[in-house]
Amino acid sequence: MDLYEIVLWIVLGAVIGWLASLFMGTLKKTRGIITVVIGILGAFLGGWLWKQLGLPKFFTEVILNTLLSGFVGSVILIALMKGIGLLGKKK
């Protein structure tokens, strides 16, 4: 993995984490590095789930497919974090 790929993962992680946090209503609680970490972990989770479920790749572009699966994974991760109380009180 070269520097370009590392920077790309960080940038995509930031975008994915920001979009997922905005979607889940936790943007004020997940700022900065936490948003990036959620996005990167969500991308790994989403990619793994996508493969395990045998879902087709909807886009031929790697970046777009990573954004989609990463967004799904990040939303799941945020929901789990909210459920166990890491992002505020349970509702």
C-alpha atoms as a PDB file:
ATOM      1  CA  MET A   1       0.000   0.000   0.000  1.00  0.00           C
ATOM      2  CA  ASP A   2       1.548   3.275  -1.077  1.00  0.00           C
ATOM      3  CA  LEU A   3       1.014   6.805   0.191  1.00  0.00           C
ATOM      4  CA  TYR A   4      -1.643   7.532  -2.462  1.00  0.00           C
ATOM      5  CA  GLU A   5      -3.796   4.591  -1.314  1.00  0.00           C
ATOM      6  CA  ILE A   6      -3.441   5.570   2.345  1.00  0.00           C
ATOM      7  CA  VAL A   7      -4.493   9.155   1.611  1.00  0.00           C
ATOM      8  CA  LEU A   8      -7.378   7.886  -0.540  1.00  0.00           C
ATOM      9  CA  TRP A   9      -8.641   5.653   2.322  1.00  0.00           C
ATOM     10  CA  ILE A  10      -8.448   8.562   4.766  1.00  0.00           C
ATOM     11  CA  VAL A  11     -10.283  10.927   2.413  1.00  0.00           C
ATOM     12  CA  LEU A  12     -12.940   8.342   1.548  1.00  0.00           C
ATOM     13  CA  GLY A  13     -13.225   7.461   5.244  1.00  0.00           C
ATOM     14  CA  ALA A  14     -13.826  11.094   6.086  1.00  0.00           C
ATOM     15  CA  VAL A  15     -16.506  11.439   3.396  1.00  0.00           C
ATOM     16  CA  ILE A  16     -18.179   8.153   4.317  1.00  0.00           C
ATOM     17  CA  GLY A  17     -18.087   8.911   8.054  1.00  0.00           C
ATOM     18  CA  TRP A  18     -19.452  12.420   7.527  1.00  0.00           C
ATOM     19  CA  LEU A  19     -22.312  11.196   5.294  1.00  0.00           C
ATOM     20  CA  ALA A  20     -23.225   8.353   7.648  1.00  0.00           C
ATOM     21  CA  SER A  21     -23.070  10.618  10.723  1.00  0.00           C
ATOM     22  CA  LEU A  22     -25.245  13.185   8.960  1.00  0.00           C
ATOM     23  CA  PHE A  23     -27.725  10.466   7.940  1.00  0.00           C
ATOM     24  CA  MET A  24     -27.869   8.985  11.453  1.00  0.00           C
ATOM     25  CA  GLY A  25     -28.124  12.369  13.196  1.00  0.00           C
ATOM     26  CA  THR A  26     -24.885  11.962  15.140  1.00  0.00           C
ATOM     27  CA  LEU A  27     -22.744  14.534  13.347  1.00  0.00           C
ATOM     28  CA  LYS A  28     -22.343  16.752  16.430  1.00  0.00           C
ATOM     29  CA  LYS A  29     -21.105  13.756  18.449  1.00  0.00           C
ATOM     30  CA  THR A  30     -18.709  12.369  15.827  1.00  0.00           C
ATOM     31  CA  ARG A  31     -16.424  15.174  14.765  1.00  0.00           C
ATOM     32  CA  GLY A  32     -12.846  15.061  13.575  1.00  0.00           C
ATOM     33  CA  ILE A  33     -10.868  11.860  13.792  1.00  0.00           C
ATOM     34  CA  ILE A  34     -13.852   9.865  15.110  1.00  0.00           C
ATOM     35  CA  THR A  35     -15.739  10.563  11.867  1.00  0.00           C
ATOM     36  CA  VAL A  36     -12.768   9.339   9.820  1.00  0.00           C
ATOM     37  CA  VAL A  37     -12.355   6.216  11.968  1.00  0.00           C
ATOM     38  CA  ILE A  38     -16.065   5.412  11.700  1.00  0.00           C
ATOM     39  CA  GLY A  39     -15.867   5.862   7.935  1.00  0.00           C
ATOM     40  CA  ILE A  40     -12.800   3.654   7.516  1.00  0.00           C
ATOM     41  CA  LEU A  41     -14.123   0.926   9.811  1.00  0.00           C
ATOM     42  CA  GLY A  42     -17.519   1.224   8.157  1.00  0.00           C
ATOM     43  CA  ALA A  43     -15.904   0.773   4.726  1.00  0.00           C
ATOM     44  CA  PHE A  44     -14.242  -2.432   5.903  1.00  0.00           C
ATOM     45  CA  LEU A  45     -17.471  -3.645   7.533  1.00  0.00           C
ATOM     46  CA  GLY A  46     -19.589  -2.733   4.516  1.00  0.00           C
ATOM     47  CA  GLY A  47     -17.155  -4.337   2.069  1.00  0.00           C
ATOM     48  CA  TRP A  48     -17.034  -7.513   4.137  1.00  0.00           C
ATOM     49  CA  LEU A  49     -20.843  -7.666   4.456  1.00  0.00           C
ATOM     50  CA  TRP A  50     -21.258  -6.983   0.730  1.00  0.00           C
ATOM     51  CA  LYS A  51     -18.984  -9.940  -0.052  1.00  0.00           C
ATOM     52  CA  GLN A  52     -20.576 -12.267   2.533  1.00  0.00           C
ATOM     53  CA  LEU A  53     -24.077 -11.556   1.248  1.00  0.00           C
ATOM     54  CA  GLY A  54     -22.980 -12.016  -2.355  1.00  0.00           C
ATOM     55  CA  LEU A  55     -24.359  -8.632  -3.382  1.00  0.00           C
ATOM     56  CA  PRO A  56     -23.406  -7.425  -6.849  1.00  0.00           C
ATOM     57  CA  LYS A  57     -21.202  -4.437  -7.445  1.00  0.00           C
ATOM     58  CA  PHE A  58     -23.508  -1.710  -8.675  1.00  0.00           C
ATOM     59  CA  PHE A  59     -20.732   0.480  -9.981  1.00  0.00           C
ATOM     60  CA  THR A  60     -17.731  -0.372 -12.075  1.00  0.00           C
ATOM     61  CA  GLU A  61     -15.734   2.351 -10.367  1.00  0.00           C
ATOM     62  CA  VAL A  62     -13.937   1.174  -7.237  1.00  0.00           C
ATOM     63  CA  ILE A  63     -14.361   4.517  -5.469  1.00  0.00           C
ATOM     64  CA  LEU A  64     -18.139   4.620  -5.962  1.00  0.00           C
ATOM     65  CA  ASN A  65     -18.574   1.009  -4.834  1.00  0.00           C
ATOM     66  CA  THR A  66     -16.412   1.704  -1.772  1.00  0.00           C
ATOM     67  CA  LEU A  67     -18.513   4.755  -0.932  1.00  0.00           C
ATOM     68  CA  LEU A  68     -21.761   2.794  -1.168  1.00  0.00           C
ATOM     69  CA  SER A  69     -20.648  -0.245   0.821  1.00  0.00           C
ATOM     70  CA  GLY A  70     -18.741   1.968   3.256  1.00  0.00           C
ATOM     71  CA  PHE A  71     -21.796   4.136   3.842  1.00  0.00           C
ATOM     72  CA  VAL A  72     -23.907   1.059   4.623  1.00  0.00           C
ATOM     73  CA  GLY A  73     -21.208  -0.293   6.936  1.00  0.00           C
ATOM     74  CA  SER A  74     -20.797   3.073   8.668  1.00  0.00           C
ATOM     75  CA  VAL A  75     -24.534   3.401   9.256  1.00  0.00           C
ATOM     76  CA  ILE A  76     -24.544  -0.084  10.809  1.00  0.00           C
ATOM     77  CA  LEU A  77     -21.516   0.803  12.936  1.00  0.00           C
ATOM     78  CA  ILE A  78     -23.096   4.056  14.152  1.00  0.00           C
ATOM     79  CA  ALA A  79     -26.348   2.228  14.950  1.00  0.00           C
ATOM     80  CA  LEU A  80     -24.398  -0.322  17.002  1.00  0.00           C
ATOM     81  CA  MET A  81     -22.480   2.441  18.782  1.00  0.00           C
ATOM     82  CA  LYS A  82     -25.729   4.257  19.571  1.00  0.00           C
ATOM     83  CA  GLY A  83     -27.263   0.994  20.779  1.00  0.00           C
ATOM     84  CA  ILE A  84     -24.535   0.329  23.320  1.00  0.00           C
ATOM     85  CA  GLY A  85     -24.410   3.954  24.435  1.00  0.00           C
ATOM     86  CA  LEU A  86     -21.089   5.076  22.908  1.00  0.00           C
ATOM     87  CA  LEU A  87     -22.786   7.959  21.084  1.00  0.00           C
ATOM     88  CA  GLY A  88     -25.073   9.242  23.780  1.00  0.00           C
ATOM     89  CA  LYS A  89     -27.948   7.813  25.728  1.00  0.00           C
ATOM     90  CA  LYS A  90     -30.119   5.020  24.377  1.00  0.00           C
ATOM     91  CA  LYS A  91     -33.580   6.125  23.329  1.00  0.00           C
END
